[in-house]
């Protein structure tokens, strides 16, 4: 085999490799952390204010995590808060995301079960209103890196 054929085979192999990488990258699933990521970025200052309100609380929220069940203990009774929501999202796979609207009760804890099946981390965002102020905090449960 002469040099001309070897160079032709080399170029064809290179082109096939590039086309394979293009095909694989097109079929790669890429999830944003949130479907409304860009809209949420525009209201970022409001989120900073909510975090500042949370930082001024004397008593903070606490978490218990055991066997896939998460219990959030709030500094107030749930019936004292308005529009309380808990959002759970998995940065590596949005099919495991969940959102909970907390119902009014005389309890100060909220429990939920994390989806199972993948070893990953979950970001838990908690938001509520009380006495005209909005509060927000987030907690990371699981691995500190995304798979």
C-alpha atoms as a PDB file:
ATOM      1  CA  UNK A   1       0.000   0.000   0.000  1.00  0.00           C
ATOM      2  CA  UNK A   2       1.442   3.380  -0.961  1.00  0.00           C
ATOM      3  CA  UNK A   3       1.380   6.658   0.978  1.00  0.00           C
ATOM      4  CA  UNK A   4      -1.633   7.990  -0.913  1.00  0.00           C
ATOM      5  CA  UNK A   5      -3.895   5.215   0.368  1.00  0.00           C
ATOM      6  CA  UNK A   6      -2.569   5.543   3.921  1.00  0.00           C
ATOM      7  CA  UNK A   7      -3.288   9.286   3.960  1.00  0.00           C
ATOM      8  CA  UNK A   8      -6.781   8.696   2.507  1.00  0.00           C
ATOM      9  CA  UNK A   9      -7.556   6.071   5.172  1.00  0.00           C
ATOM     10  CA  UNK A  10      -6.253   8.435   7.857  1.00  0.00           C
ATOM     11  CA  UNK A  11      -8.510  11.289   6.660  1.00  0.00           C
ATOM     12  CA  UNK A  12     -11.549   9.026   6.387  1.00  0.00           C
ATOM     13  CA  UNK A  13     -10.906   7.662   9.919  1.00  0.00           C
ATOM     14  CA  UNK A  14     -10.550  11.202  11.262  1.00  0.00           C
ATOM     15  CA  UNK A  15     -13.787  12.333   9.572  1.00  0.00           C
ATOM     16  CA  UNK A  16     -15.641   9.266  10.886  1.00  0.00           C
ATOM     17  CA  UNK A  17     -14.368   9.984  14.411  1.00  0.00           C
ATOM     18  CA  UNK A  18     -15.469  13.617  14.250  1.00  0.00           C
ATOM     19  CA  UNK A  19     -18.913  12.631  12.896  1.00  0.00           C
ATOM     20  CA  UNK A  20     -19.251  10.074  15.710  1.00  0.00           C
ATOM     21  CA  UNK A  21     -18.449  12.731  18.330  1.00  0.00           C
ATOM     22  CA  UNK A  22     -20.928  15.172  16.740  1.00  0.00           C
ATOM     23  CA  UNK A  23     -23.637  12.493  16.750  1.00  0.00           C
ATOM     24  CA  UNK A  24     -22.965  11.619  20.407  1.00  0.00           C
ATOM     25  CA  UNK A  25     -22.960  15.264  21.501  1.00  0.00           C
ATOM     26  CA  UNK A  26     -26.243  16.005  19.705  1.00  0.00           C
ATOM     27  CA  UNK A  27     -27.938  13.109  21.484  1.00  0.00           C
ATOM     28  CA  UNK A  28     -26.571  14.063  24.926  1.00  0.00           C
ATOM     29  CA  UNK A  29     -29.336  15.121  27.335  1.00  0.00           C
ATOM     30  CA  UNK A  30     -28.556  18.478  28.938  1.00  0.00           C
ATOM     31  CA  UNK A  31     -30.890  19.743  31.663  1.00  0.00           C
ATOM     32  CA  UNK A  32     -30.844  23.211  33.087  1.00  0.00           C
ATOM     33  CA  UNK A  33     -31.204  23.326  36.840  1.00  0.00           C
ATOM     34  CA  UNK A  34     -34.619  24.906  36.391  1.00  0.00           C
ATOM     35  CA  UNK A  35     -36.874  25.314  33.360  1.00  0.00           C
ATOM     36  CA  UNK A  36     -37.262  29.013  34.194  1.00  0.00           C
ATOM     37  CA  UNK A  37     -33.565  29.515  34.898  1.00  0.00           C
ATOM     38  CA  UNK A  38     -33.189  32.792  33.024  1.00  0.00           C
ATOM     39  CA  UNK A  39     -36.374  34.337  34.418  1.00  0.00           C
ATOM     40  CA  UNK A  40     -35.282  33.432  37.939  1.00  0.00           C
ATOM     41  CA  UNK A  41     -31.923  35.103  37.360  1.00  0.00           C
ATOM     42  CA  UNK A  42     -33.705  38.400  36.647  1.00  0.00           C
ATOM     43  CA  UNK A  43     -35.294  38.423  40.113  1.00  0.00           C
ATOM     44  CA  UNK A  44     -32.052  37.588  41.891  1.00  0.00           C
ATOM     45  CA  UNK A  45     -32.018  40.721  44.096  1.00  0.00           C
ATOM     46  CA  UNK A  46     -35.374  39.720  45.579  1.00  0.00           C
ATOM     47  CA  UNK A  47     -33.897  36.329  46.448  1.00  0.00           C
ATOM     48  CA  UNK A  48     -30.946  38.026  48.186  1.00  0.00           C
ATOM     49  CA  UNK A  49     -33.399  40.078  50.264  1.00  0.00           C
ATOM     50  CA  UNK A  50     -35.287  36.911  51.223  1.00  0.00           C
ATOM     51  CA  UNK A  51     -32.031  35.264  52.311  1.00  0.00           C
ATOM     52  CA  UNK A  52     -31.164  38.351  54.347  1.00  0.00           C
ATOM     53  CA  UNK A  53     -34.540  38.139  56.147  1.00  0.00           C
ATOM     54  CA  UNK A  54     -33.852  34.476  56.901  1.00  0.00           C
ATOM     55  CA  UNK A  55     -30.391  35.342  58.274  1.00  0.00           C
ATOM     56  CA  UNK A  56     -31.965  37.730  60.807  1.00  0.00           C
ATOM     57  CA  UNK A  57     -34.071  34.963  62.385  1.00  0.00           C
ATOM     58  CA  UNK A  58     -32.938  33.920  65.845  1.00  0.00           C
ATOM     59  CA  UNK A  59     -33.926  30.309  65.255  1.00  0.00           C
ATOM     60  CA  UNK A  60     -33.124  28.685  61.892  1.00  0.00           C
ATOM     61  CA  UNK A  61     -34.596  25.723  60.058  1.00  0.00           C
ATOM     62  CA  UNK A  62     -33.048  22.346  60.747  1.00  0.00           C
ATOM     63  CA  UNK A  63     -32.972  19.119  58.768  1.00  0.00           C
ATOM     64  CA  UNK A  64     -33.168  15.465  59.647  1.00  0.00           C
ATOM     65  CA  UNK A  65     -32.222  13.025  56.902  1.00  0.00           C
ATOM     66  CA  UNK A  66     -32.574   9.291  57.338  1.00  0.00           C
ATOM     67  CA  UNK A  67     -33.240   6.460  54.859  1.00  0.00           C
ATOM     68  CA  UNK A  68     -34.370   8.811  52.104  1.00  0.00           C
ATOM     69  CA  UNK A  69     -36.810  10.754  54.288  1.00  0.00           C
ATOM     70  CA  UNK A  70     -36.175  14.424  54.951  1.00  0.00           C
ATOM     71  CA  UNK A  71     -37.814  16.300  57.831  1.00  0.00           C
ATOM     72  CA  UNK A  72     -37.555  20.091  57.883  1.00  0.00           C
ATOM     73  CA  UNK A  73     -38.143  21.742  61.256  1.00  0.00           C
ATOM     74  CA  UNK A  74     -39.247  25.345  60.835  1.00  0.00           C
ATOM     75  CA  UNK A  75     -38.729  28.154  63.356  1.00  0.00           C
ATOM     76  CA  UNK A  76     -42.483  28.860  63.195  1.00  0.00           C
ATOM     77  CA  UNK A  77     -45.649  26.816  63.186  1.00  0.00           C
ATOM     78  CA  UNK A  78     -46.849  26.146  59.655  1.00  0.00           C
ATOM     79  CA  UNK A  79     -50.116  27.961  60.355  1.00  0.00           C
ATOM     80  CA  UNK A  80     -48.134  31.165  61.033  1.00  0.00           C
ATOM     81  CA  UNK A  81     -46.566  31.109  57.548  1.00  0.00           C
ATOM     82  CA  UNK A  82     -48.140  31.905  54.193  1.00  0.00           C
ATOM     83  CA  UNK A  83     -47.280  30.549  50.737  1.00  0.00           C
ATOM     84  CA  UNK A  84     -44.751  28.105  52.150  1.00  0.00           C
ATOM     85  CA  UNK A  85     -43.181  25.907  49.489  1.00  0.00           C
ATOM     86  CA  UNK A  86     -40.395  23.351  49.400  1.00  0.00           C
ATOM     87  CA  UNK A  87     -38.721  22.670  46.077  1.00  0.00           C
ATOM     88  CA  UNK A  88     -36.428  19.686  45.656  1.00  0.00           C
ATOM     89  CA  UNK A  89     -34.302  19.451  42.580  1.00  0.00           C
ATOM     90  CA  UNK A  90     -31.613  17.117  41.408  1.00  0.00           C
ATOM     91  CA  UNK A  91     -29.033  18.988  39.303  1.00  0.00           C
ATOM     92  CA  UNK A  92     -27.994  15.862  37.416  1.00  0.00           C
ATOM     93  CA  UNK A  93     -31.483  14.689  36.368  1.00  0.00           C
ATOM     94  CA  UNK A  94     -34.637  16.806  36.380  1.00  0.00           C
ATOM     95  CA  UNK A  95     -36.954  13.774  36.415  1.00  0.00           C
ATOM     96  CA  UNK A  96     -36.285  13.573  40.174  1.00  0.00           C
ATOM     97  CA  UNK A  97     -37.440  17.154  40.841  1.00  0.00           C
ATOM     98  CA  UNK A  98     -40.390  17.753  43.150  1.00  0.00           C
ATOM     99  CA  UNK A  99     -42.274  20.707  44.581  1.00  0.00           C
ATOM    100  CA  UNK A 100     -44.468  20.802  47.687  1.00  0.00           C
ATOM    101  CA  UNK A 101     -46.901  23.475  48.837  1.00  0.00           C
ATOM    102  CA  UNK A 102     -47.069  23.240  52.606  1.00  0.00           C
ATOM    103  CA  UNK A 103     -50.523  23.028  54.075  1.00  0.00           C
ATOM    104  CA  UNK A 104     -51.566  24.990  57.108  1.00  0.00           C
ATOM    105  CA  UNK A 105     -51.194  22.981  60.302  1.00  0.00           C
ATOM    106  CA  UNK A 106     -50.260  23.518  63.919  1.00  0.00           C
ATOM    107  CA  UNK A 107     -47.049  21.571  63.372  1.00  0.00           C
ATOM    108  CA  UNK A 108     -43.613  23.101  62.814  1.00  0.00           C
ATOM    109  CA  UNK A 109     -42.176  20.228  60.743  1.00  0.00           C
ATOM    110  CA  UNK A 110     -42.636  19.024  57.182  1.00  0.00           C
ATOM    111  CA  UNK A 111     -41.557  15.556  56.009  1.00  0.00           C
ATOM    112  CA  UNK A 112     -41.105  14.184  52.499  1.00  0.00           C
ATOM    113  CA  UNK A 113     -39.315  11.316  50.795  1.00  0.00           C
ATOM    114  CA  UNK A 114     -36.540  11.857  48.294  1.00  0.00           C
ATOM    115  CA  UNK A 115     -36.726   9.928  45.027  1.00  0.00           C
ATOM    116  CA  UNK A 116     -34.493   6.874  44.998  1.00  0.00           C
ATOM    117  CA  UNK A 117     -32.625   5.200  42.216  1.00  0.00           C
ATOM    118  CA  UNK A 118     -29.589   7.372  41.635  1.00  0.00           C
ATOM    119  CA  UNK A 119     -26.811   8.397  43.964  1.00  0.00           C
ATOM    120  CA  UNK A 120     -26.742  12.143  43.665  1.00  0.00           C
ATOM    121  CA  UNK A 121     -27.271  15.368  45.478  1.00  0.00           C
ATOM    122  CA  UNK A 122     -30.506  17.201  46.012  1.00  0.00           C
ATOM    123  CA  UNK A 123     -30.833  20.947  46.435  1.00  0.00           C
ATOM    124  CA  UNK A 124     -33.715  21.828  48.703  1.00  0.00           C
ATOM    125  CA  UNK A 125     -35.119  25.359  48.467  1.00  0.00           C
ATOM    126  CA  UNK A 126     -37.559  26.574  51.108  1.00  0.00           C
ATOM    127  CA  UNK A 127     -39.631  29.739  50.735  1.00  0.00           C
ATOM    128  CA  UNK A 128     -42.330  31.275  52.922  1.00  0.00           C
ATOM    129  CA  UNK A 129     -43.959  34.568  53.911  1.00  0.00           C
ATOM    130  CA  UNK A 130     -44.639  35.742  57.440  1.00  0.00           C
ATOM    131  CA  UNK A 131     -45.616  39.145  58.806  1.00  0.00           C
ATOM    132  CA  UNK A 132     -45.152  40.831  55.414  1.00  0.00           C
ATOM    133  CA  UNK A 133     -41.606  39.519  54.927  1.00  0.00           C
ATOM    134  CA  UNK A 134     -40.424  36.807  52.564  1.00  0.00           C
ATOM    135  CA  UNK A 135     -37.903  34.187  53.670  1.00  0.00           C
ATOM    136  CA  UNK A 136     -35.735  31.836  51.632  1.00  0.00           C
ATOM    137  CA  UNK A 137     -32.963  29.373  52.311  1.00  0.00           C
ATOM    138  CA  UNK A 138     -31.519  26.351  50.632  1.00  0.00           C
ATOM    139  CA  UNK A 139     -29.771  23.208  51.748  1.00  0.00           C
ATOM    140  CA  UNK A 140     -27.780  20.570  49.860  1.00  0.00           C
ATOM    141  CA  UNK A 141     -28.361  16.941  50.735  1.00  0.00           C
ATOM    142  CA  UNK A 142     -26.263  14.111  49.348  1.00  0.00           C
ATOM    143  CA  UNK A 143     -23.045  14.301  47.398  1.00  0.00           C
ATOM    144  CA  UNK A 144     -21.473  17.747  47.088  1.00  0.00           C
ATOM    145  CA  UNK A 145     -20.651  17.156  43.430  1.00  0.00           C
ATOM    146  CA  UNK A 146     -22.863  16.401  40.453  1.00  0.00           C
ATOM    147  CA  UNK A 147     -22.406  13.109  38.626  1.00  0.00           C
END
